[in-house]
Amino acid sequence: MEYALVIFHDEAGELSPAEIDEHPRHRAWLDEVRRRGAFAGGQRLRPGRAGRTVRTRAEGTLVTDGPFIEAREQVGGFVVLNCADLDEATELAALHPFAELGAIEVRPVWTW
């Protein structure tokens, strides 16, 4: 089954994609996920301030620059894993280096 790891972290201490790719703990985590055959994809997101939030209601559409809420931790990226169950996905999330820097939400993915 597929699980999404939604990665939250403090954007103030943001690392560049190259810094993350070269970080030994991140590389070790990715190597372990690939060794298990669990890696199904993922992407790092640019900071929330680079995006927009869109809400459509009966009154019309409201577009706001930046994230939906002002919070220290923002969604920084996501990883999709193929795991046997929620326990394995949780185990791999706990091994991710960003679990120590922020939080990782583990959610089953609906398949189409």
PDB file of N, CA and C in Angstrom:
ATOM      1  N   MET A   1       0.847  -1.180   0.000  1.00  0.00           N
ATOM      2  CA  MET A   1       0.000   0.000   0.000  1.00  0.00           C
ATOM      3  C   MET A   1       0.887   1.235   0.000  1.00  0.00           C
ATOM      4  N   GLU A   2       0.398   2.301  -0.628  1.00  0.00           N
ATOM      5  CA  GLU A   2       1.167   3.543  -0.655  1.00  0.00           C
ATOM      6  C   GLU A   2       0.838   4.426   0.542  1.00  0.00           C
ATOM      7  N   TYR A   3       1.883   5.061   1.063  1.00  0.00           N
ATOM      8  CA  TYR A   3       1.764   6.002   2.174  1.00  0.00           C
ATOM      9  C   TYR A   3       2.514   7.266   1.812  1.00  0.00           C
ATOM     10  N   ALA A   4       1.917   8.404   2.129  1.00  0.00           N
ATOM     11  CA  ALA A   4       2.583   9.691   1.930  1.00  0.00           C
ATOM     12  C   ALA A   4       3.176  10.128   3.261  1.00  0.00           C
ATOM     13  N   LEU A   5       4.441  10.494   3.230  1.00  0.00           N
ATOM     14  CA  LEU A   5       5.072  11.140   4.372  1.00  0.00           C
ATOM     15  C   LEU A   5       5.054  12.631   4.066  1.00  0.00           C
ATOM     16  N   VAL A   6       4.265  13.379   4.803  1.00  0.00           N
ATOM     17  CA  VAL A   6       4.173  14.827   4.619  1.00  0.00           C
ATOM     18  C   VAL A   6       5.137  15.438   5.636  1.00  0.00           C
ATOM     19  N   ILE A   7       6.142  16.133   5.133  1.00  0.00           N
ATOM     20  CA  ILE A   7       7.248  16.590   5.970  1.00  0.00           C
ATOM     21  C   ILE A   7       7.055  18.061   6.332  1.00  0.00           C
ATOM     22  N   PHE A   8       6.980  18.318   7.636  1.00  0.00           N
ATOM     23  CA  PHE A   8       6.847  19.674   8.163  1.00  0.00           C
ATOM     24  C   PHE A   8       8.173  20.075   8.797  1.00  0.00           C
ATOM     25  N   HIS A   9       8.587  21.304   8.542  1.00  0.00           N
ATOM     26  CA  HIS A   9       9.806  21.785   9.190  1.00  0.00           C
ATOM     27  C   HIS A   9       9.779  23.302   9.278  1.00  0.00           C
ATOM     28  N   ASP A  10      10.697  23.839  10.063  1.00  0.00           N
ATOM     29  CA  ASP A  10      10.822  25.278  10.247  1.00  0.00           C
ATOM     30  C   ASP A  10      11.554  25.844   9.036  1.00  0.00           C
ATOM     31  N   GLU A  11      10.875  26.683   8.266  1.00  0.00           N
ATOM     32  CA  GLU A  11      11.484  27.238   7.062  1.00  0.00           C
ATOM     33  C   GLU A  11      12.632  28.192   7.368  1.00  0.00           C
ATOM     34  N   ALA A  12      12.723  28.669   8.607  1.00  0.00           N
ATOM     35  CA  ALA A  12      13.795  29.605   8.960  1.00  0.00           C
ATOM     36  C   ALA A  12      15.175  28.950   8.831  1.00  0.00           C
ATOM     37  N   GLY A  13      15.259  27.662   9.116  1.00  0.00           N
ATOM     38  CA  GLY A  13      16.534  26.959   9.036  1.00  0.00           C
ATOM     39  C   GLY A  13      16.625  26.085   7.803  1.00  0.00           C
ATOM     40  N   GLU A  14      16.013  26.527   6.727  1.00  0.00           N
ATOM     41  CA  GLU A  14      15.890  25.716   5.528  1.00  0.00           C
ATOM     42  C   GLU A  14      17.235  25.424   4.872  1.00  0.00           C
ATOM     43  N   LEU A  15      17.400  24.174   4.477  1.00  0.00           N
ATOM     44  CA  LEU A  15      18.588  23.740   3.746  1.00  0.00           C
ATOM     45  C   LEU A  15      18.273  23.728   2.256  1.00  0.00           C
ATOM     46  N   SER A  16      19.289  23.943   1.441  1.00  0.00           N
ATOM     47  CA  SER A  16      19.098  23.880  -0.006  1.00  0.00           C
ATOM     48  C   SER A  16      18.926  22.423  -0.426  1.00  0.00           C
ATOM     49  N   PRO A  17      18.350  22.165  -1.611  1.00  0.00           N
ATOM     50  CA  PRO A  17      18.241  20.788  -2.082  1.00  0.00           C
ATOM     51  C   PRO A  17      19.606  20.092  -2.141  1.00  0.00           C
ATOM     52  N   ALA A  18      20.643  20.798  -2.544  1.00  0.00           N
ATOM     53  CA  ALA A  18      21.984  20.198  -2.605  1.00  0.00           C
ATOM     54  C   ALA A  18      22.474  19.821  -1.213  1.00  0.00           C
ATOM     55  N   GLU A  19      22.216  20.686  -0.220  1.00  0.00           N
ATOM     56  CA  GLU A  19      22.631  20.382   1.155  1.00  0.00           C
ATOM     57  C   GLU A  19      21.904  19.147   1.694  1.00  0.00           C
ATOM     58  N   ILE A  20      20.637  19.024   1.377  1.00  0.00           N
ATOM     59  CA  ILE A  20      19.881  17.859   1.824  1.00  0.00           C
ATOM     60  C   ILE A  20      20.401  16.603   1.132  1.00  0.00           C
ATOM     61  N   ASP A  21      20.617  16.687  -0.182  1.00  0.00           N
ATOM     62  CA  ASP A  21      21.119  15.533  -0.923  1.00  0.00           C
ATOM     63  C   ASP A  21      22.470  15.064  -0.413  1.00  0.00           C
ATOM     64  N   GLU A  22      23.291  15.980   0.073  1.00  0.00           N
ATOM     65  CA  GLU A  22      24.630  15.634   0.543  1.00  0.00           C
ATOM     66  C   GLU A  22      24.679  15.304   2.033  1.00  0.00           C
ATOM     67  N   HIS A  23      23.585  15.516   2.745  1.00  0.00           N
ATOM     68  CA  HIS A  23      23.561  15.266   4.182  1.00  0.00           C
ATOM     69  C   HIS A  23      23.661  13.755   4.432  1.00  0.00           C
ATOM     70  N   PRO A  24      24.654  13.296   5.197  1.00  0.00           N
ATOM     71  CA  PRO A  24      24.855  11.850   5.387  1.00  0.00           C
ATOM     72  C   PRO A  24      23.640  11.111   5.945  1.00  0.00           C
ATOM     73  N   ARG A  25      22.934  11.697   6.898  1.00  0.00           N
ATOM     74  CA  ARG A  25      21.762  11.014   7.475  1.00  0.00           C
ATOM     75  C   ARG A  25      20.624  10.909   6.463  1.00  0.00           C
ATOM     76  N   HIS A  26      20.455  11.939   5.649  1.00  0.00           N
ATOM     77  CA  HIS A  26      19.407  11.881   4.630  1.00  0.00           C
ATOM     78  C   HIS A  26      19.754  10.832   3.576  1.00  0.00           C
ATOM     79  N   ARG A  27      21.004  10.798   3.167  1.00  0.00           N
ATOM     80  CA  ARG A  27      21.431   9.798   2.183  1.00  0.00           C
ATOM     81  C   ARG A  27      21.258   8.387   2.738  1.00  0.00           C
ATOM     82  N   ALA A  28      21.603   8.187   4.017  1.00  0.00           N
ATOM     83  CA  ALA A  28      21.455   6.871   4.646  1.00  0.00           C
ATOM     84  C   ALA A  28      19.977   6.470   4.699  1.00  0.00           C
ATOM     85  N   TRP A  29      19.102   7.445   5.020  1.00  0.00           N
ATOM     86  CA  TRP A  29      17.674   7.162   5.061  1.00  0.00           C
ATOM     87  C   TRP A  29      17.178   6.746   3.684  1.00  0.00           C
ATOM     88  N   LEU A  30      17.535   7.512   2.658  1.00  0.00           N
ATOM     89  CA  LEU A  30      17.088   7.208   1.304  1.00  0.00           C
ATOM     90  C   LEU A  30      17.637   5.859   0.837  1.00  0.00           C
ATOM     91  N   ASP A  31      18.880   5.560   1.181  1.00  0.00           N
ATOM     92  CA  ASP A  31      19.460   4.250   0.847  1.00  0.00           C
ATOM     93  C   ASP A  31      18.656   3.122   1.489  1.00  0.00           C
ATOM     94  N   GLU A  32      18.245   3.292   2.757  1.00  0.00           N
ATOM     95  CA  GLU A  32      17.465   2.266   3.455  1.00  0.00           C
ATOM     96  C   GLU A  32      16.092   2.088   2.813  1.00  0.00           C
ATOM     97  N   VAL A  33      15.446   3.189   2.472  1.00  0.00           N
ATOM     98  CA  VAL A  33      14.126   3.124   1.837  1.00  0.00           C
ATOM     99  C   VAL A  33      14.235   2.412   0.488  1.00  0.00           C
ATOM    100  N   ARG A  34      15.262   2.741  -0.272  1.00  0.00           N
ATOM    101  CA  ARG A  34      15.454   2.089  -1.580  1.00  0.00           C
ATOM    102  C   ARG A  34      15.831   0.620  -1.411  1.00  0.00           C
ATOM    103  N   ARG A  35      16.652   0.298  -0.405  1.00  0.00           N
ATOM    104  CA  ARG A  35      17.037  -1.088  -0.158  1.00  0.00           C
ATOM    105  C   ARG A  35      15.796  -1.952   0.094  1.00  0.00           C
ATOM    106  N   ARG A  36      14.817  -1.385   0.792  1.00  0.00           N
ATOM    107  CA  ARG A  36      13.570  -2.099   1.078  1.00  0.00           C
ATOM    108  C   ARG A  36      12.623  -2.112  -0.117  1.00  0.00           C
ATOM    109  N   GLY A  37      12.952  -1.377  -1.166  1.00  0.00           N
ATOM    110  CA  GLY A  37      12.068  -1.294  -2.323  1.00  0.00           C
ATOM    111  C   GLY A  37      10.824  -0.475  -2.052  1.00  0.00           C
ATOM    112  N   ALA A  38      10.898   0.438  -1.087  1.00  0.00           N
ATOM    113  CA  ALA A  38       9.726   1.195  -0.661  1.00  0.00           C
ATOM    114  C   ALA A  38       9.583   2.553  -1.348  1.00  0.00           C
ATOM    115  N   PHE A  39      10.646   3.075  -1.959  1.00  0.00           N
ATOM    116  CA  PHE A  39      10.586   4.426  -2.517  1.00  0.00           C
ATOM    117  C   PHE A  39       9.709   4.450  -3.764  1.00  0.00           C
ATOM    118  N   ALA A  40       8.668   5.289  -3.744  1.00  0.00           N
ATOM    119  CA  ALA A  40       7.771   5.423  -4.887  1.00  0.00           C
ATOM    120  C   ALA A  40       7.795   6.832  -5.468  1.00  0.00           C
ATOM    121  N   GLY A  41       8.482   7.762  -4.817  1.00  0.00           N
ATOM    122  CA  GLY A  41       8.576   9.117  -5.342  1.00  0.00           C
ATOM    123  C   GLY A  41       8.517  10.144  -4.236  1.00  0.00           C
ATOM    124  N   GLY A  42       8.578  11.385  -4.642  1.00  0.00           N
ATOM    125  CA  GLY A  42       8.504  12.476  -3.682  1.00  0.00           C
ATOM    126  C   GLY A  42       9.155  13.712  -4.249  1.00  0.00           C
ATOM    127  N   GLN A  43       8.882  14.813  -3.619  1.00  0.00           N
ATOM    128  CA  GLN A  43       9.457  16.084  -4.053  1.00  0.00           C
ATOM    129  C   GLN A  43       9.608  17.004  -2.865  1.00  0.00           C
ATOM    130  N   ARG A  44      10.593  17.840  -2.950  1.00  0.00           N
ATOM    131  CA  ARG A  44      10.774  18.910  -1.985  1.00  0.00           C
ATOM    132  C   ARG A  44       9.986  20.108  -2.503  1.00  0.00           C
ATOM    133  N   LEU A  45       9.364  20.836  -1.603  1.00  0.00           N
ATOM    134  CA  LEU A  45       8.586  22.010  -1.999  1.00  0.00           C
ATOM    135  C   LEU A  45       9.366  23.278  -1.695  1.00  0.00           C
ATOM    136  N   ARG A  46       9.164  24.283  -2.509  1.00  0.00           N
ATOM    137  CA  ARG A  46       9.743  25.591  -2.224  1.00  0.00           C
ATOM    138  C   ARG A  46       9.025  26.163  -1.002  1.00  0.00           C
ATOM    139  N   PRO A  47       9.597  27.173  -0.353  1.00  0.00           N
ATOM    140  CA  PRO A  47       8.972  27.747   0.847  1.00  0.00           C
ATOM    141  C   PRO A  47       7.532  28.201   0.595  1.00  0.00           C
ATOM    142  N   GLY A  48       6.712  28.144   1.651  1.00  0.00           N
ATOM    143  CA  GLY A  48       5.313  28.541   1.550  1.00  0.00           C
ATOM    144  C   GLY A  48       5.125  29.954   1.025  1.00  0.00           C
ATOM    145  N   ARG A  49       6.062  30.839   1.345  1.00  0.00           N
ATOM    146  CA  ARG A  49       5.942  32.231   0.884  1.00  0.00           C
ATOM    147  C   ARG A  49       6.035  32.351  -0.645  1.00  0.00           C
ATOM    148  N   ALA A  50       6.506  31.307  -1.323  1.00  0.00           N
ATOM    149  CA  ALA A  50       6.629  31.330  -2.783  1.00  0.00           C
ATOM    150  C   ALA A  50       5.327  30.915  -3.467  1.00  0.00           C
ATOM    151  N   GLY A  51       4.355  30.430  -2.698  1.00  0.00           N
ATOM    152  CA  GLY A  51       3.111  29.939  -3.282  1.00  0.00           C
ATOM    153  C   GLY A  51       1.912  30.806  -2.967  1.00  0.00           C
ATOM    154  N   ARG A  52       0.767  30.260  -3.203  1.00  0.00           N
ATOM    155  CA  ARG A  52      -0.499  30.948  -2.953  1.00  0.00           C
ATOM    156  C   ARG A  52      -1.497  29.960  -2.374  1.00  0.00           C
ATOM    157  N   THR A  53      -2.463  30.496  -1.648  1.00  0.00           N
ATOM    158  CA  THR A  53      -3.582  29.712  -1.136  1.00  0.00           C
ATOM    159  C   THR A  53      -4.834  30.176  -1.867  1.00  0.00           C
ATOM    160  N   VAL A  54      -5.618  29.239  -2.382  1.00  0.00           N
ATOM    161  CA  VAL A  54      -6.821  29.553  -3.151  1.00  0.00           C
ATOM    162  C   VAL A  54      -8.033  28.972  -2.430  1.00  0.00           C
ATOM    163  N   ARG A  55      -9.037  29.822  -2.220  1.00  0.00           N
ATOM    164  CA  ARG A  55     -10.302  29.394  -1.622  1.00  0.00           C
ATOM    165  C   ARG A  55     -11.420  29.852  -2.545  1.00  0.00           C
ATOM    166  N   THR A  56     -12.314  28.939  -2.898  1.00  0.00           N
ATOM    167  CA  THR A  56     -13.471  29.290  -3.717  1.00  0.00           C
ATOM    168  C   THR A  56     -14.722  29.035  -2.894  1.00  0.00           C
ATOM    169  N   ARG A  57     -15.530  30.057  -2.768  1.00  0.00           N
ATOM    170  CA  ARG A  57     -16.784  29.985  -2.013  1.00  0.00           C
ATOM    171  C   ARG A  57     -17.896  30.570  -2.890  1.00  0.00           C
ATOM    172  N   ALA A  58     -19.096  30.578  -2.393  1.00  0.00           N
ATOM    173  CA  ALA A  58     -20.227  31.121  -3.148  1.00  0.00           C
ATOM    174  C   ALA A  58     -19.993  32.583  -3.527  1.00  0.00           C
ATOM    175  N   GLU A  59     -19.263  33.311  -2.651  1.00  0.00           N
ATOM    176  CA  GLU A  59     -19.015  34.736  -2.899  1.00  0.00           C
ATOM    177  C   GLU A  59     -17.957  34.961  -3.973  1.00  0.00           C
ATOM    178  N   GLY A  60     -17.193  33.942  -4.307  1.00  0.00           N
ATOM    179  CA  GLY A  60     -16.149  34.096  -5.313  1.00  0.00           C
ATOM    180  C   GLY A  60     -14.863  33.405  -4.881  1.00  0.00           C
ATOM    181  N   THR A  61     -13.793  33.748  -5.572  1.00  0.00           N
ATOM    182  CA  THR A  61     -12.497  33.140  -5.315  1.00  0.00           C
ATOM    183  C   THR A  61     -11.595  34.135  -4.604  1.00  0.00           C
ATOM    184  N   LEU A  62     -10.941  33.672  -3.540  1.00  0.00           N
ATOM    185  CA  LEU A  62      -9.990  34.486  -2.796  1.00  0.00           C
ATOM    186  C   LEU A  62      -8.614  33.854  -2.947  1.00  0.00           C
ATOM    187  N   VAL A  63      -7.664  34.645  -3.424  1.00  0.00           N
ATOM    188  CA  VAL A  63      -6.290  34.180  -3.587  1.00  0.00           C
ATOM    189  C   VAL A  63      -5.418  34.967  -2.619  1.00  0.00           C
ATOM    190  N   THR A  64      -4.665  34.244  -1.784  1.00  0.00           N
ATOM    191  CA  THR A  64      -3.787  34.856  -0.795  1.00  0.00           C
ATOM    192  C   THR A  64      -2.360  34.402  -1.064  1.00  0.00           C
ATOM    193  N   ASP A  65      -1.427  35.333  -1.057  1.00  0.00           N
ATOM    194  CA  ASP A  65      -0.032  34.953  -1.207  1.00  0.00           C
ATOM    195  C   ASP A  65       0.427  34.199   0.023  1.00  0.00           C
ATOM    196  N   GLY A  66       1.239  33.182  -0.194  1.00  0.00           N
ATOM    197  CA  GLY A  66       1.839  32.451   0.907  1.00  0.00           C
ATOM    198  C   GLY A  66       0.983  31.313   1.425  1.00  0.00           C
ATOM    199  N   PRO A  67       1.375  30.775   2.581  1.00  0.00           N
ATOM    200  CA  PRO A  67       0.703  29.606   3.135  1.00  0.00           C
ATOM    201  C   PRO A  67      -0.667  29.949   3.722  1.00  0.00           C
ATOM    202  N   PHE A  68      -1.445  28.923   3.973  1.00  0.00           N
ATOM    203  CA  PHE A  68      -2.794  29.073   4.514  1.00  0.00           C
ATOM    204  C   PHE A  68      -2.767  29.691   5.899  1.00  0.00           C
ATOM    205  N   ILE A  69      -1.811  29.294   6.727  1.00  0.00           N
ATOM    206  CA  ILE A  69      -1.728  29.818   8.087  1.00  0.00           C
ATOM    207  C   ILE A  69      -0.310  30.291   8.369  1.00  0.00           C
ATOM    208  N   GLU A  70      -0.187  31.178   9.303  1.00  0.00           N
ATOM    209  CA  GLU A  70       1.132  31.606   9.761  1.00  0.00           C
ATOM    210  C   GLU A  70       1.561  30.646  10.861  1.00  0.00           C
ATOM    211  N   ALA A  71       2.562  29.879  10.594  1.00  0.00           N
ATOM    212  CA  ALA A  71       3.060  28.920  11.572  1.00  0.00           C
ATOM    213  C   ALA A  71       4.558  28.758  11.365  1.00  0.00           C
ATOM    214  N   ARG A  72       5.242  28.389  12.410  1.00  0.00           N
ATOM    215  CA  ARG A  72       6.679  28.194  12.303  1.00  0.00           C
ATOM    216  C   ARG A  72       6.991  27.024  11.378  1.00  0.00           C
ATOM    217  N   GLU A  73       6.260  25.929  11.538  1.00  0.00           N
ATOM    218  CA  GLU A  73       6.481  24.761  10.698  1.00  0.00           C
ATOM    219  C   GLU A  73       5.552  24.810   9.492  1.00  0.00           C
ATOM    220  N   GLN A  74       6.120  24.571   8.325  1.00  0.00           N
ATOM    221  CA  GLN A  74       5.368  24.538   7.074  1.00  0.00           C
ATOM    222  C   GLN A  74       5.635  23.209   6.379  1.00  0.00           C
ATOM    223  N   VAL A  75       4.778  22.853   5.432  1.00  0.00           N
ATOM    224  CA  VAL A  75       5.024  21.654   4.641  1.00  0.00           C
ATOM    225  C   VAL A  75       6.239  21.924   3.766  1.00  0.00           C
ATOM    226  N   GLY A  76       7.246  21.079   3.902  1.00  0.00           N
ATOM    227  CA  GLY A  76       8.482  21.260   3.153  1.00  0.00           C
ATOM    228  C   GLY A  76       8.640  20.284   2.011  1.00  0.00           C
ATOM    229  N   GLY A  77       7.835  19.234   2.011  1.00  0.00           N
ATOM    230  CA  GLY A  77       7.928  18.247   0.951  1.00  0.00           C
ATOM    231  C   GLY A  77       7.128  17.012   1.301  1.00  0.00           C
ATOM    232  N   PHE A  78       7.236  16.022   0.431  1.00  0.00           N
ATOM    233  CA  PHE A  78       6.526  14.772   0.665  1.00  0.00           C
ATOM    234  C   PHE A  78       7.300  13.638   0.011  1.00  0.00           C
ATOM    235  N   VAL A  79       7.100  12.463   0.553  1.00  0.00           N
ATOM    236  CA  VAL A  79       7.674  11.240   0.007  1.00  0.00           C
ATOM    237  C   VAL A  79       6.551  10.228  -0.062  1.00  0.00           C
ATOM    238  N   VAL A  80       6.479   9.473  -1.137  1.00  0.00           N
ATOM    239  CA  VAL A  80       5.501   8.394  -1.249  1.00  0.00           C
ATOM    240  C   VAL A  80       6.248   7.075  -1.142  1.00  0.00           C
ATOM    241  N   LEU A  81       5.786   6.233  -0.228  1.00  0.00           N
ATOM    242  CA  LEU A  81       6.416   4.937   0.010  1.00  0.00           C
ATOM    243  C   LEU A  81       5.437   3.808  -0.256  1.00  0.00           C
ATOM    244  N   ASN A  82       5.943   2.701  -0.755  1.00  0.00           N
ATOM    245  CA  ASN A  82       5.177   1.456  -0.837  1.00  0.00           C
ATOM    246  C   ASN A  82       5.596   0.612   0.352  1.00  0.00           C
ATOM    247  N   CYS A  83       4.691   0.419   1.298  1.00  0.00           N
ATOM    248  CA  CYS A  83       5.003  -0.321   2.515  1.00  0.00           C
ATOM    249  C   CYS A  83       3.954  -1.406   2.733  1.00  0.00           C
ATOM    250  N   ALA A  84       4.340  -2.392   3.512  1.00  0.00           N
ATOM    251  CA  ALA A  84       3.423  -3.488   3.819  1.00  0.00           C
ATOM    252  C   ALA A  84       2.224  -3.002   4.619  1.00  0.00           C
ATOM    253  N   ASP A  85       2.473  -2.027   5.514  1.00  0.00           N
ATOM    254  CA  ASP A  85       1.397  -1.540   6.373  1.00  0.00           C
ATOM    255  C   ASP A  85       1.792  -0.207   7.000  1.00  0.00           C
ATOM    256  N   LEU A  86       0.873   0.353   7.777  1.00  0.00           N
ATOM    257  CA  LEU A  86       1.097   1.646   8.416  1.00  0.00           C
ATOM    258  C   LEU A  86       2.275   1.585   9.386  1.00  0.00           C
ATOM    259  N   ASP A  87       2.471   0.444  10.026  1.00  0.00           N
ATOM    260  CA  ASP A  87       3.589   0.306  10.967  1.00  0.00           C
ATOM    261  C   ASP A  87       4.939   0.461  10.262  1.00  0.00           C
ATOM    262  N   GLU A  88       5.095  -0.156   9.087  1.00  0.00           N
ATOM    263  CA  GLU A  88       6.362  -0.019   8.364  1.00  0.00           C
ATOM    264  C   GLU A  88       6.565   1.420   7.892  1.00  0.00           C
ATOM    265  N   ALA A  89       5.502   2.060   7.405  1.00  0.00           N
ATOM    266  CA  ALA A  89       5.609   3.457   6.967  1.00  0.00           C
ATOM    267  C   ALA A  89       5.984   4.357   8.142  1.00  0.00           C
ATOM    268  N   THR A  90       5.422   4.088   9.316  1.00  0.00           N
ATOM    269  CA  THR A  90       5.740   4.856  10.517  1.00  0.00           C
ATOM    270  C   THR A  90       7.188   4.635  10.925  1.00  0.00           C
ATOM    271  N   GLU A  91       7.654   3.406  10.831  1.00  0.00           N
ATOM    272  CA  GLU A  91       9.049   3.093  11.148  1.00  0.00           C
ATOM    273  C   GLU A  91      10.003   3.870  10.244  1.00  0.00           C
ATOM    274  N   LEU A  92       9.716   3.900   8.951  1.00  0.00           N
ATOM    275  CA  LEU A  92      10.575   4.639   8.022  1.00  0.00           C
ATOM    276  C   LEU A  92      10.489   6.140   8.257  1.00  0.00           C
ATOM    277  N   ALA A  93       9.305   6.643   8.605  1.00  0.00           N
ATOM    278  CA  ALA A  93       9.171   8.068   8.918  1.00  0.00           C
ATOM    279  C   ALA A  93      10.024   8.432  10.130  1.00  0.00           C
ATOM    280  N   ALA A  94      10.054   7.569  11.129  1.00  0.00           N
ATOM    281  CA  ALA A  94      10.843   7.835  12.340  1.00  0.00           C
ATOM    282  C   ALA A  94      12.333   7.865  12.046  1.00  0.00           C
ATOM    283  N   LEU A  95      12.767   7.166  11.002  1.00  0.00           N
ATOM    284  CA  LEU A  95      14.184   7.163  10.626  1.00  0.00           C
ATOM    285  C   LEU A  95      14.589   8.398   9.818  1.00  0.00           C
ATOM    286  N   HIS A  96      13.603   9.112   9.265  1.00  0.00           N
ATOM    287  CA  HIS A  96      13.899  10.286   8.431  1.00  0.00           C
ATOM    288  C   HIS A  96      14.517  11.381   9.300  1.00  0.00           C
ATOM    289  N   PRO A  97      15.631  11.999   8.847  1.00  0.00           N
ATOM    290  CA  PRO A  97      16.286  13.033   9.659  1.00  0.00           C
ATOM    291  C   PRO A  97      15.384  14.219  10.003  1.00  0.00           C
ATOM    292  N   PHE A  98      14.416  14.537   9.166  1.00  0.00           N
ATOM    293  CA  PHE A  98      13.547  15.676   9.445  1.00  0.00           C
ATOM    294  C   PHE A  98      12.563  15.383  10.569  1.00  0.00           C
ATOM    295  N   ALA A  99      12.422  14.125  10.979  1.00  0.00           N
ATOM    296  CA  ALA A  99      11.574  13.811  12.130  1.00  0.00           C
ATOM    297  C   ALA A  99      12.135  14.455  13.393  1.00  0.00           C
ATOM    298  N   GLU A 100      13.452  14.704  13.423  1.00  0.00           N
ATOM    299  CA  GLU A 100      14.086  15.375  14.567  1.00  0.00           C
ATOM    300  C   GLU A 100      14.017  16.893  14.464  1.00  0.00           C
ATOM    301  N   LEU A 101      13.795  17.401  13.261  1.00  0.00           N
ATOM    302  CA  LEU A 101      13.781  18.853  13.043  1.00  0.00           C
ATOM    303  C   LEU A 101      12.381  19.442  13.029  1.00  0.00           C
ATOM    304  N   GLY A 102      11.402  18.629  12.732  1.00  0.00           N
ATOM    305  CA  GLY A 102      10.024  19.103  12.624  1.00  0.00           C
ATOM    306  C   GLY A 102       9.080  17.973  12.938  1.00  0.00           C
ATOM    307  N   ALA A 103       8.258  17.605  11.976  1.00  0.00           N
ATOM    308  CA  ALA A 103       7.299  16.513  12.154  1.00  0.00           C
ATOM    309  C   ALA A 103       7.045  15.876  10.802  1.00  0.00           C
ATOM    310  N   ILE A 104       6.660  14.614  10.835  1.00  0.00           N
ATOM    311  CA  ILE A 104       6.302  13.907   9.610  1.00  0.00           C
ATOM    312  C   ILE A 104       4.950  13.247   9.829  1.00  0.00           C
ATOM    313  N   GLU A 105       4.003  13.620   9.003  1.00  0.00           N
ATOM    314  CA  GLU A 105       2.671  13.017   9.050  1.00  0.00           C
ATOM    315  C   GLU A 105       2.656  11.847   8.069  1.00  0.00           C
ATOM    316  N   VAL A 106       2.193  10.694   8.508  1.00  0.00           N
ATOM    317  CA  VAL A 106       2.117   9.491   7.681  1.00  0.00           C
ATOM    318  C   VAL A 106       0.653   9.243   7.358  1.00  0.00           C
ATOM    319  N   ARG A 107       0.332   9.210   6.048  1.00  0.00           N
ATOM    320  CA  ARG A 107      -1.063   9.015   5.657  1.00  0.00           C
ATOM    321  C   ARG A 107      -1.173   8.031   4.519  1.00  0.00           C
ATOM    322  N   PRO A 108      -2.137   7.101   4.600  1.00  0.00           N
ATOM    323  CA  PRO A 108      -2.393   6.208   3.473  1.00  0.00           C
ATOM    324  C   PRO A 108      -2.864   7.019   2.262  1.00  0.00           C
ATOM    325  N   VAL A 109      -2.503   6.559   1.087  1.00  0.00           N
ATOM    326  CA  VAL A 109      -2.866   7.246  -0.162  1.00  0.00           C
ATOM    327  C   VAL A 109      -4.027   6.512  -0.819  1.00  0.00           C
ATOM    328  N   TRP A 110      -5.030   7.256  -1.229  1.00  0.00           N
ATOM    329  CA  TRP A 110      -6.110   6.662  -2.023  1.00  0.00           C
ATOM    330  C   TRP A 110      -5.542   6.325  -3.382  1.00  0.00           C
ATOM    331  N   THR A 111      -5.875   5.173  -3.899  1.00  0.00           N
ATOM    332  CA  THR A 111      -5.439   4.820  -5.254  1.00  0.00           C
ATOM    333  C   THR A 111      -6.603   5.004  -6.200  1.00  0.00           C
ATOM    334  N   TRP A 112      -6.324   5.490  -7.387  1.00  0.00           N
ATOM    335  CA  TRP A 112      -7.368   5.793  -8.371  1.00  0.00           C
ATOM    336  C   TRP A 112      -7.588   4.615  -9.274  1.00  0.00           C
TER     337      TRP A 112
END
